[in-house]
Amino acid sequence: MSISPKKWFKLNFFSQMANIGSEVERAVLWSNKKNKEYSKLSFFRALELLDLTITDKNNIKRLSELTRLREVLADYFYFDNTYKSKAENWSSYFYPFNYAVRKNT
């Protein structure tokens, strides 16, 4: 299932990041359950959402952080984990975005 850029760009940055974080969390959970296929699907969905966030003109000042996030996520899930990321790192990184969305709704 794909979301249209028009619809995605209507979300604020915190909502975009919280949604990406949800997919990353799913990818980690499926990986822990040894279901590589579902983990891969969640990871690719996270990348799809992150790519939309990167192309959102409202996030131009965050481009450096977003592209680095993409690099480190890809390294963790798909390559050799050169950056030595851990599952806990992803929870710590994305939790504040979820908190901000819940606090402002």
PDB file of N, CA and C in Angstrom:
ATOM      1  N   MET A   1       0.844  -1.173   0.000  1.00  0.00           N
ATOM      2  CA  MET A   1       0.000   0.000   0.000  1.00  0.00           C
ATOM      3  C   MET A   1       0.889   1.235   0.000  1.00  0.00           C
ATOM      4  N   SER A   2       0.583   2.145  -0.876  1.00  0.00           N
ATOM      5  CA  SER A   2       1.395   3.338  -1.023  1.00  0.00           C
ATOM      6  C   SER A   2       0.570   4.566  -0.681  1.00  0.00           C
ATOM      7  N   ILE A   3       1.195   5.530  -0.059  1.00  0.00           N
ATOM      8  CA  ILE A   3       0.523   6.784   0.271  1.00  0.00           C
ATOM      9  C   ILE A   3       0.930   7.816  -0.775  1.00  0.00           C
ATOM     10  N   SER A   4       0.003   8.653  -1.148  1.00  0.00           N
ATOM     11  CA  SER A   4       0.323   9.671  -2.140  1.00  0.00           C
ATOM     12  C   SER A   4       1.174  10.766  -1.503  1.00  0.00           C
ATOM     13  N   PRO A   5       2.113  11.305  -2.265  1.00  0.00           N
ATOM     14  CA  PRO A   5       2.918  12.406  -1.735  1.00  0.00           C
ATOM     15  C   PRO A   5       2.045  13.565  -1.251  1.00  0.00           C
ATOM     16  N   LYS A   6       1.001  13.856  -1.985  1.00  0.00           N
ATOM     17  CA  LYS A   6       0.119  14.971  -1.616  1.00  0.00           C
ATOM     18  C   LYS A   6      -0.446  14.769  -0.206  1.00  0.00           C
ATOM     19  N   LYS A   7      -0.867  13.565   0.079  1.00  0.00           N
ATOM     20  CA  LYS A   7      -1.419  13.240   1.388  1.00  0.00           C
ATOM     21  C   LYS A   7      -0.327  13.262   2.469  1.00  0.00           C
ATOM     22  N   TRP A   8       0.836  12.701   2.135  1.00  0.00           N
ATOM     23  CA  TRP A   8       1.951  12.645   3.086  1.00  0.00           C
ATOM     24  C   TRP A   8       2.436  14.047   3.450  1.00  0.00           C
ATOM     25  N   PHE A   9       2.510  14.933   2.466  1.00  0.00           N
ATOM     26  CA  PHE A   9       3.019  16.281   2.699  1.00  0.00           C
ATOM     27  C   PHE A   9       2.075  17.121   3.564  1.00  0.00           C
ATOM     28  N   LYS A  10       0.842  16.674   3.728  1.00  0.00           N
ATOM     29  CA  LYS A  10      -0.094  17.377   4.616  1.00  0.00           C
ATOM     30  C   LYS A  10       0.200  17.095   6.084  1.00  0.00           C
ATOM     31  N   LEU A  11       0.924  16.010   6.341  1.00  0.00           N
ATOM     32  CA  LEU A  11       1.294  15.684   7.717  1.00  0.00           C
ATOM     33  C   LEU A  11       2.438  16.585   8.167  1.00  0.00           C
ATOM     34  N   ASN A  12       2.452  16.936   9.451  1.00  0.00           N
ATOM     35  CA  ASN A  12       3.592  17.708   9.954  1.00  0.00           C
ATOM     36  C   ASN A  12       4.796  16.777  10.135  1.00  0.00           C
ATOM     37  N   PHE A  13       5.946  17.354  10.350  1.00  0.00           N
ATOM     38  CA  PHE A  13       7.187  16.593  10.449  1.00  0.00           C
ATOM     39  C   PHE A  13       7.128  15.526  11.538  1.00  0.00           C
ATOM     40  N   PHE A  14       6.567  15.878  12.702  1.00  0.00           N
ATOM     41  CA  PHE A  14       6.504  14.919  13.801  1.00  0.00           C
ATOM     42  C   PHE A  14       5.641  13.714  13.438  1.00  0.00           C
ATOM     43  N   SER A  15       4.540  13.945  12.757  1.00  0.00           N
ATOM     44  CA  SER A  15       3.674  12.841  12.326  1.00  0.00           C
ATOM     45  C   SER A  15       4.367  11.968  11.288  1.00  0.00           C
ATOM     46  N   GLN A  16       5.084  12.601  10.379  1.00  0.00           N
ATOM     47  CA  GLN A  16       5.823  11.829   9.379  1.00  0.00           C
ATOM     48  C   GLN A  16       6.848  10.924  10.063  1.00  0.00           C
ATOM     49  N   MET A  17       7.599  11.499  10.978  1.00  0.00           N
ATOM     50  CA  MET A  17       8.638  10.725  11.655  1.00  0.00           C
ATOM     51  C   MET A  17       8.046   9.642  12.549  1.00  0.00           C
ATOM     52  N   ALA A  18       6.931   9.912  13.187  1.00  0.00           N
ATOM     53  CA  ALA A  18       6.278   8.904  14.024  1.00  0.00           C
ATOM     54  C   ALA A  18       5.829   7.722  13.169  1.00  0.00           C
ATOM     55  N   ASN A  19       5.313   7.994  11.987  1.00  0.00           N
ATOM     56  CA  ASN A  19       4.897   6.916  11.082  1.00  0.00           C
ATOM     57  C   ASN A  19       6.087   6.103  10.593  1.00  0.00           C
ATOM     58  N   ILE A  20       7.160   6.775  10.286  1.00  0.00           N
ATOM     59  CA  ILE A  20       8.384   6.066   9.888  1.00  0.00           C
ATOM     60  C   ILE A  20       8.855   5.193  11.047  1.00  0.00           C
ATOM     61  N   GLY A  21       8.838   5.756  12.242  1.00  0.00           N
ATOM     62  CA  GLY A  21       9.249   5.018  13.431  1.00  0.00           C
ATOM     63  C   GLY A  21       8.415   3.781  13.672  1.00  0.00           C
ATOM     64  N   SER A  22       7.129   3.864  13.386  1.00  0.00           N
ATOM     65  CA  SER A  22       6.255   2.692  13.540  1.00  0.00           C
ATOM     66  C   SER A  22       6.687   1.561  12.612  1.00  0.00           C
ATOM     67  N   GLU A  23       7.031   1.917  11.395  1.00  0.00           N
ATOM     68  CA  GLU A  23       7.488   0.892  10.450  1.00  0.00           C
ATOM     69  C   GLU A  23       8.841   0.318  10.858  1.00  0.00           C
ATOM     70  N   VAL A  24       9.715   1.169  11.357  1.00  0.00           N
ATOM     71  CA  VAL A  24      11.022   0.691  11.822  1.00  0.00           C
ATOM     72  C   VAL A  24      10.821  -0.259  13.009  1.00  0.00           C
ATOM     73  N   GLU A  25       9.932   0.115  13.913  1.00  0.00           N
ATOM     74  CA  GLU A  25       9.636  -0.739  15.069  1.00  0.00           C
ATOM     75  C   GLU A  25       9.097  -2.105  14.613  1.00  0.00           C
ATOM     76  N   ARG A  26       8.214  -2.097  13.631  1.00  0.00           N
ATOM     77  CA  ARG A  26       7.701  -3.360  13.080  1.00  0.00           C
ATOM     78  C   ARG A  26       8.835  -4.192  12.475  1.00  0.00           C
ATOM     79  N   ALA A  27       9.712  -3.533  11.751  1.00  0.00           N
ATOM     80  CA  ALA A  27      10.837  -4.251  11.131  1.00  0.00           C
ATOM     81  C   ALA A  27      11.708  -4.909  12.200  1.00  0.00           C
ATOM     82  N   VAL A  28      11.963  -4.198  13.287  1.00  0.00           N
ATOM     83  CA  VAL A  28      12.758  -4.751  14.387  1.00  0.00           C
ATOM     84  C   VAL A  28      12.023  -5.924  15.032  1.00  0.00           C
ATOM     85  N   LEU A  29      10.738  -5.744  15.311  1.00  0.00           N
ATOM     86  CA  LEU A  29       9.961  -6.815  15.944  1.00  0.00           C
ATOM     87  C   LEU A  29       9.936  -8.072  15.083  1.00  0.00           C
ATOM     88  N   TRP A  30       9.711  -7.917  13.783  1.00  0.00           N
ATOM     89  CA  TRP A  30       9.694  -9.081  12.902  1.00  0.00           C
ATOM     90  C   TRP A  30      11.074  -9.719  12.808  1.00  0.00           C
ATOM     91  N   SER A  31      12.083  -8.912  12.834  1.00  0.00           N
ATOM     92  CA  SER A  31      13.447  -9.440  12.806  1.00  0.00           C
ATOM     93  C   SER A  31      13.715 -10.275  14.057  1.00  0.00           C
ATOM     94  N   ASN A  32      13.278  -9.778  15.206  1.00  0.00           N
ATOM     95  CA  ASN A  32      13.448 -10.509  16.466  1.00  0.00           C
ATOM     96  C   ASN A  32      12.678 -11.826  16.460  1.00  0.00           C
ATOM     97  N   LYS A  33      11.567 -11.861  15.725  1.00  0.00           N
ATOM     98  CA  LYS A  33      10.769 -13.087  15.618  1.00  0.00           C
ATOM     99  C   LYS A  33      11.275 -13.989  14.492  1.00  0.00           C
ATOM    100  N   LYS A  34      12.403 -13.604  13.916  1.00  0.00           N
ATOM    101  CA  LYS A  34      13.039 -14.377  12.843  1.00  0.00           C
ATOM    102  C   LYS A  34      12.182 -14.488  11.588  1.00  0.00           C
ATOM    103  N   ASN A  35      11.374 -13.476  11.335  1.00  0.00           N
ATOM    104  CA  ASN A  35      10.583 -13.444  10.104  1.00  0.00           C
ATOM    105  C   ASN A  35      11.200 -12.393   9.188  1.00  0.00           C
ATOM    106  N   LYS A  36      12.188 -12.819   8.445  1.00  0.00           N
ATOM    107  CA  LYS A  36      12.953 -11.885   7.608  1.00  0.00           C
ATOM    108  C   LYS A  36      12.096 -11.228   6.522  1.00  0.00           C
ATOM    109  N   GLU A  37      11.141 -11.954   5.989  1.00  0.00           N
ATOM    110  CA  GLU A  37      10.301 -11.406   4.916  1.00  0.00           C
ATOM    111  C   GLU A  37       9.459 -10.236   5.418  1.00  0.00           C
ATOM    112  N   TYR A  38       8.782 -10.409   6.536  1.00  0.00           N
ATOM    113  CA  TYR A  38       7.962  -9.328   7.089  1.00  0.00           C
ATOM    114  C   TYR A  38       8.833  -8.162   7.558  1.00  0.00           C
ATOM    115  N   SER A  39       9.997  -8.496   8.119  1.00  0.00           N
ATOM    116  CA  SER A  39      10.921  -7.446   8.547  1.00  0.00           C
ATOM    117  C   SER A  39      11.356  -6.611   7.347  1.00  0.00           C
ATOM    118  N   LYS A  40      11.681  -7.293   6.260  1.00  0.00           N
ATOM    119  CA  LYS A  40      12.110  -6.606   5.033  1.00  0.00           C
ATOM    120  C   LYS A  40      10.997  -5.713   4.483  1.00  0.00           C
ATOM    121  N   LEU A  41       9.767  -6.224   4.488  1.00  0.00           N
ATOM    122  CA  LEU A  41       8.641  -5.421   3.997  1.00  0.00           C
ATOM    123  C   LEU A  41       8.447  -4.162   4.841  1.00  0.00           C
ATOM    124  N   SER A  42       8.548  -4.290   6.153  1.00  0.00           N
ATOM    125  CA  SER A  42       8.410  -3.118   7.030  1.00  0.00           C
ATOM    126  C   SER A  42       9.551  -2.133   6.825  1.00  0.00           C
ATOM    127  N   PHE A  43      10.753  -2.668   6.662  1.00  0.00           N
ATOM    128  CA  PHE A  43      11.913  -1.810   6.416  1.00  0.00           C
ATOM    129  C   PHE A  43      11.752  -1.032   5.111  1.00  0.00           C
ATOM    130  N   PHE A  44      11.317  -1.711   4.058  1.00  0.00           N
ATOM    131  CA  PHE A  44      11.127  -1.023   2.780  1.00  0.00           C
ATOM    132  C   PHE A  44      10.009   0.008   2.859  1.00  0.00           C
ATOM    133  N   ARG A  45       8.981  -0.273   3.631  1.00  0.00           N
ATOM    134  CA  ARG A  45       7.904   0.705   3.846  1.00  0.00           C
ATOM    135  C   ARG A  45       8.460   1.923   4.591  1.00  0.00           C
ATOM    136  N   ALA A  46       9.301   1.695   5.582  1.00  0.00           N
ATOM    137  CA  ALA A  46       9.932   2.805   6.304  1.00  0.00           C
ATOM    138  C   ALA A  46      10.766   3.654   5.345  1.00  0.00           C
ATOM    139  N   LEU A  47      11.510   2.996   4.451  1.00  0.00           N
ATOM    140  CA  LEU A  47      12.304   3.741   3.470  1.00  0.00           C
ATOM    141  C   LEU A  47      11.419   4.539   2.521  1.00  0.00           C
ATOM    142  N   GLU A  48      10.312   3.938   2.109  1.00  0.00           N
ATOM    143  CA  GLU A  48       9.377   4.642   1.228  1.00  0.00           C
ATOM    144  C   GLU A  48       8.872   5.920   1.904  1.00  0.00           C
ATOM    145  N   LEU A  49       8.484   5.809   3.163  1.00  0.00           N
ATOM    146  CA  LEU A  49       7.989   6.979   3.900  1.00  0.00           C
ATOM    147  C   LEU A  49       9.104   7.990   4.146  1.00  0.00           C
ATOM    148  N   LEU A  50      10.288   7.491   4.450  1.00  0.00           N
ATOM    149  CA  LEU A  50      11.426   8.385   4.665  1.00  0.00           C
ATOM    150  C   LEU A  50      11.779   9.127   3.380  1.00  0.00           C
ATOM    151  N   ASP A  51      11.738   8.442   2.253  1.00  0.00           N
ATOM    152  CA  ASP A  51      12.013   9.108   0.979  1.00  0.00           C
ATOM    153  C   ASP A  51      10.995  10.210   0.690  1.00  0.00           C
ATOM    154  N   LEU A  52       9.736   9.955   1.017  1.00  0.00           N
ATOM    155  CA  LEU A  52       8.722  11.008   0.860  1.00  0.00           C
ATOM    156  C   LEU A  52       9.028  12.189   1.780  1.00  0.00           C
ATOM    157  N   THR A  53       9.440  11.888   2.993  1.00  0.00           N
ATOM    158  CA  THR A  53       9.772  12.945   3.959  1.00  0.00           C
ATOM    159  C   THR A  53      10.961  13.764   3.467  1.00  0.00           C
ATOM    160  N   ILE A  54      11.926  13.093   2.875  1.00  0.00           N
ATOM    161  CA  ILE A  54      13.104  13.780   2.329  1.00  0.00           C
ATOM    162  C   ILE A  54      12.705  14.719   1.187  1.00  0.00           C
ATOM    163  N   THR A  55      11.741  14.316   0.371  1.00  0.00           N
ATOM    164  CA  THR A  55      11.351  15.155  -0.760  1.00  0.00           C
ATOM    165  C   THR A  55      10.330  16.235  -0.392  1.00  0.00           C
ATOM    166  N   ASP A  56       9.836  16.203   0.835  1.00  0.00           N
ATOM    167  CA  ASP A  56       8.884  17.222   1.288  1.00  0.00           C
ATOM    168  C   ASP A  56       9.622  18.559   1.438  1.00  0.00           C
ATOM    169  N   LYS A  57       9.190  19.553   0.689  1.00  0.00           N
ATOM    170  CA  LYS A  57       9.844  20.876   0.709  1.00  0.00           C
ATOM    171  C   LYS A  57       9.850  21.504   2.104  1.00  0.00           C
ATOM    172  N   ASN A  58       8.898  21.132   2.935  1.00  0.00           N
ATOM    173  CA  ASN A  58       8.848  21.676   4.300  1.00  0.00           C
ATOM    174  C   ASN A  58       9.996  21.175   5.173  1.00  0.00           C
ATOM    175  N   ASN A  59      10.668  20.129   4.735  1.00  0.00           N
ATOM    176  CA  ASN A  59      11.737  19.532   5.538  1.00  0.00           C
ATOM    177  C   ASN A  59      13.130  19.841   5.007  1.00  0.00           C
ATOM    178  N   ILE A  60      13.247  20.827   4.158  1.00  0.00           N
ATOM    179  CA  ILE A  60      14.533  21.133   3.517  1.00  0.00           C
ATOM    180  C   ILE A  60      15.641  21.411   4.541  1.00  0.00           C
ATOM    181  N   LYS A  61      15.282  22.026   5.663  1.00  0.00           N
ATOM    182  CA  LYS A  61      16.291  22.330   6.684  1.00  0.00           C
ATOM    183  C   LYS A  61      16.706  21.088   7.466  1.00  0.00           C
ATOM    184  N   ARG A  62      15.963  20.019   7.303  1.00  0.00           N
ATOM    185  CA  ARG A  62      16.255  18.772   8.010  1.00  0.00           C
ATOM    186  C   ARG A  62      16.881  17.728   7.085  1.00  0.00           C
ATOM    187  N   LEU A  63      17.208  18.134   5.895  1.00  0.00           N
ATOM    188  CA  LEU A  63      17.686  17.202   4.875  1.00  0.00           C
ATOM    189  C   LEU A  63      18.916  16.414   5.323  1.00  0.00           C
ATOM    190  N   SER A  64      19.837  17.071   5.977  1.00  0.00           N
ATOM    191  CA  SER A  64      21.054  16.408   6.437  1.00  0.00           C
ATOM    192  C   SER A  64      20.724  15.274   7.417  1.00  0.00           C
ATOM    193  N   GLU A  65      19.877  15.566   8.395  1.00  0.00           N
ATOM    194  CA  GLU A  65      19.491  14.546   9.379  1.00  0.00           C
ATOM    195  C   GLU A  65      18.730  13.399   8.713  1.00  0.00           C
ATOM    196  N   LEU A  66      17.816  13.741   7.815  1.00  0.00           N
ATOM    197  CA  LEU A  66      16.992  12.718   7.176  1.00  0.00           C
ATOM    198  C   LEU A  66      17.805  11.792   6.279  1.00  0.00           C
ATOM    199  N   THR A  67      18.744  12.359   5.532  1.00  0.00           N
ATOM    200  CA  THR A  67      19.560  11.509   4.660  1.00  0.00           C
ATOM    201  C   THR A  67      20.526  10.653   5.481  1.00  0.00           C
ATOM    202  N   ARG A  68      21.016  11.191   6.588  1.00  0.00           N
ATOM    203  CA  ARG A  68      21.873  10.381   7.468  1.00  0.00           C
ATOM    204  C   ARG A  68      21.061   9.260   8.103  1.00  0.00           C
ATOM    205  N   LEU A  69      19.830   9.568   8.511  1.00  0.00           N
ATOM    206  CA  LEU A  69      18.944   8.547   9.063  1.00  0.00           C
ATOM    207  C   LEU A  69      18.746   7.422   8.049  1.00  0.00           C
ATOM    208  N   ARG A  70      18.518   7.777   6.805  1.00  0.00           N
ATOM    209  CA  ARG A  70      18.319   6.767   5.755  1.00  0.00           C
ATOM    210  C   ARG A  70      19.558   5.887   5.616  1.00  0.00           C
ATOM    211  N   GLU A  71      20.719   6.515   5.643  1.00  0.00           N
ATOM    212  CA  GLU A  71      21.978   5.786   5.523  1.00  0.00           C
ATOM    213  C   GLU A  71      22.162   4.795   6.676  1.00  0.00           C
ATOM    214  N   VAL A  72      21.893   5.239   7.884  1.00  0.00           N
ATOM    215  CA  VAL A  72      22.108   4.388   9.058  1.00  0.00           C
ATOM    216  C   VAL A  72      21.055   3.277   9.129  1.00  0.00           C
ATOM    217  N   LEU A  73      19.818   3.586   8.761  1.00  0.00           N
ATOM    218  CA  LEU A  73      18.779   2.550   8.709  1.00  0.00           C
ATOM    219  C   LEU A  73      19.143   1.464   7.700  1.00  0.00           C
ATOM    220  N   ALA A  74      19.555   1.874   6.520  1.00  0.00           N
ATOM    221  CA  ALA A  74      19.937   0.907   5.485  1.00  0.00           C
ATOM    222  C   ALA A  74      21.118   0.057   5.959  1.00  0.00           C
ATOM    223  N   ASP A  75      22.067   0.687   6.612  1.00  0.00           N
ATOM    224  CA  ASP A  75      23.220  -0.034   7.139  1.00  0.00           C
ATOM    225  C   ASP A  75      22.783  -1.069   8.175  1.00  0.00           C
ATOM    226  N   TYR A  76      21.862  -0.705   9.033  1.00  0.00           N
ATOM    227  CA  TYR A  76      21.409  -1.603  10.097  1.00  0.00           C
ATOM    228  C   TYR A  76      20.608  -2.788   9.554  1.00  0.00           C
ATOM    229  N   PHE A  77      19.650  -2.513   8.706  1.00  0.00           N
ATOM    230  CA  PHE A  77      18.746  -3.566   8.248  1.00  0.00           C
ATOM    231  C   PHE A  77      19.253  -4.347   7.033  1.00  0.00           C
ATOM    232  N   TYR A  78      20.074  -3.724   6.212  1.00  0.00           N
ATOM    233  CA  TYR A  78      20.369  -4.342   4.923  1.00  0.00           C
ATOM    234  C   TYR A  78      21.853  -4.626   4.685  1.00  0.00           C
ATOM    235  N   PHE A  79      22.700  -3.864   5.343  1.00  0.00           N
ATOM    236  CA  PHE A  79      24.126  -4.032   5.087  1.00  0.00           C
ATOM    237  C   PHE A  79      24.838  -4.609   6.315  1.00  0.00           C
ATOM    238  N   ASP A  80      26.008  -4.139   6.633  1.00  0.00           N
ATOM    239  CA  ASP A  80      26.849  -4.770   7.661  1.00  0.00           C
ATOM    240  C   ASP A  80      26.784  -4.131   9.044  1.00  0.00           C
ATOM    241  N   ASN A  81      25.870  -3.196   9.241  1.00  0.00           N
ATOM    242  CA  ASN A  81      25.748  -2.475  10.513  1.00  0.00           C
ATOM    243  C   ASN A  81      27.093  -1.883  10.947  1.00  0.00           C
ATOM    244  N   THR A  82      27.716  -1.204  10.025  1.00  0.00           N
ATOM    245  CA  THR A  82      29.000  -0.550  10.259  1.00  0.00           C
ATOM    246  C   THR A  82      28.916   0.450  11.412  1.00  0.00           C
ATOM    247  N   TYR A  83      27.755   1.085  11.569  1.00  0.00           N
ATOM    248  CA  TYR A  83      27.587   2.090  12.622  1.00  0.00           C
ATOM    249  C   TYR A  83      27.269   1.470  13.976  1.00  0.00           C
ATOM    250  N   LYS A  84      27.169   0.146  14.027  1.00  0.00           N
ATOM    251  CA  LYS A  84      26.913  -0.584  15.271  1.00  0.00           C
ATOM    252  C   LYS A  84      25.615  -0.160  15.951  1.00  0.00           C
ATOM    253  N   SER A  85      24.580   0.072  15.151  1.00  0.00           N
ATOM    254  CA  SER A  85      23.271   0.437  15.693  1.00  0.00           C
ATOM    255  C   SER A  85      22.664  -0.762  16.407  1.00  0.00           C
ATOM    256  N   LYS A  86      21.785  -0.458  17.360  1.00  0.00           N
ATOM    257  CA  LYS A  86      21.051  -1.490  18.094  1.00  0.00           C
ATOM    258  C   LYS A  86      19.570  -1.162  18.011  1.00  0.00           C
ATOM    259  N   ALA A  87      18.749  -2.163  18.214  1.00  0.00           N
ATOM    260  CA  ALA A  87      17.295  -1.968  18.174  1.00  0.00           C
ATOM    261  C   ALA A  87      16.864  -0.868  19.138  1.00  0.00           C
ATOM    262  N   GLU A  88      17.491  -0.817  20.289  1.00  0.00           N
ATOM    263  CA  GLU A  88      17.148   0.204  21.280  1.00  0.00           C
ATOM    264  C   GLU A  88      17.402   1.624  20.760  1.00  0.00           C
ATOM    265  N   ASN A  89      18.398   1.763  19.896  1.00  0.00           N
ATOM    266  CA  ASN A  89      18.690   3.079  19.314  1.00  0.00           C
ATOM    267  C   ASN A  89      17.495   3.606  18.542  1.00  0.00           C
ATOM    268  N   TRP A  90      16.819   2.718  17.819  1.00  0.00           N
ATOM    269  CA  TRP A  90      15.682   3.144  17.004  1.00  0.00           C
ATOM    270  C   TRP A  90      14.515   3.560  17.886  1.00  0.00           C
ATOM    271  N   SER A  91      14.275   2.815  18.936  1.00  0.00           N
ATOM    272  CA  SER A  91      13.202   3.198  19.861  1.00  0.00           C
ATOM    273  C   SER A  91      13.504   4.554  20.485  1.00  0.00           C
ATOM    274  N   SER A  92      14.729   4.737  20.913  1.00  0.00           N
ATOM    275  CA  SER A  92      15.117   6.008  21.530  1.00  0.00           C
ATOM    276  C   SER A  92      15.010   7.178  20.556  1.00  0.00           C
ATOM    277  N   TYR A  93      15.372   6.939  19.316  1.00  0.00           N
ATOM    278  CA  TYR A  93      15.335   8.010  18.320  1.00  0.00           C
ATOM    279  C   TYR A  93      13.896   8.395  17.972  1.00  0.00           C
ATOM    280  N   PHE A  94      13.045   7.408  17.743  1.00  0.00           N
ATOM    281  CA  PHE A  94      11.703   7.703  17.250  1.00  0.00           C
ATOM    282  C   PHE A  94      10.672   7.987  18.348  1.00  0.00           C
ATOM    283  N   TYR A  95      10.934   7.561  19.581  1.00  0.00           N
ATOM    284  CA  TYR A  95       9.948   7.764  20.650  1.00  0.00           C
ATOM    285  C   TYR A  95       9.541   9.230  20.821  1.00  0.00           C
ATOM    286  N   PRO A  96      10.471  10.173  20.832  1.00  0.00           N
ATOM    287  CA  PRO A  96      10.059  11.581  21.010  1.00  0.00           C
ATOM    288  C   PRO A  96       9.086  12.078  19.943  1.00  0.00           C
ATOM    289  N   PHE A  97       9.183  11.566  18.736  1.00  0.00           N
ATOM    290  CA  PHE A  97       8.249  11.970  17.685  1.00  0.00           C
ATOM    291  C   PHE A  97       6.843  11.460  17.998  1.00  0.00           C
ATOM    292  N   ASN A  98       6.756  10.217  18.458  1.00  0.00           N
ATOM    293  CA  ASN A  98       5.460   9.673  18.859  1.00  0.00           C
ATOM    294  C   ASN A  98       4.879  10.458  20.029  1.00  0.00           C
ATOM    295  N   TYR A  99       5.723  10.793  20.971  1.00  0.00           N
ATOM    296  CA  TYR A  99       5.296  11.549  22.145  1.00  0.00           C
ATOM    297  C   TYR A  99       4.761  12.932  21.711  1.00  0.00           C
ATOM    298  N   ALA A 100       5.477  13.583  20.829  1.00  0.00           N
ATOM    299  CA  ALA A 100       5.074  14.920  20.368  1.00  0.00           C
ATOM    300  C   ALA A 100       3.728  14.860  19.643  1.00  0.00           C
ATOM    301  N   VAL A 101       3.532  13.832  18.835  1.00  0.00           N
ATOM    302  CA  VAL A 101       2.254  13.703  18.107  1.00  0.00           C
ATOM    303  C   VAL A 101       1.122  13.483  19.091  1.00  0.00           C
ATOM    304  N   ARG A 102       1.321  12.578  20.060  1.00  0.00           N
ATOM    305  CA  ARG A 102       0.256  12.311  21.045  1.00  0.00           C
ATOM    306  C   ARG A 102      -0.027  13.527  21.910  1.00  0.00           C
ATOM    307  N   LYS A 103       0.989  14.264  22.251  1.00  0.00           N
ATOM    308  CA  LYS A 103       0.822  15.433  23.113  1.00  0.00           C
ATOM    309  C   LYS A 103       0.064  16.548  22.399  1.00  0.00           C
ATOM    310  N   ASN A 104       0.210  16.630  21.094  1.00  0.00           N
ATOM    311  CA  ASN A 104      -0.417  17.714  20.332  1.00  0.00           C
ATOM    312  C   ASN A 104      -1.749  17.339  19.678  1.00  0.00           C
ATOM    313  N   THR A 105      -2.276  16.158  19.990  1.00  0.00           N
ATOM    314  CA  THR A 105      -3.581  15.786  19.419  1.00  0.00           C
ATOM    315  C   THR A 105      -4.650  15.791  20.474  1.00  0.00           C
TER     316      THR A 105
END
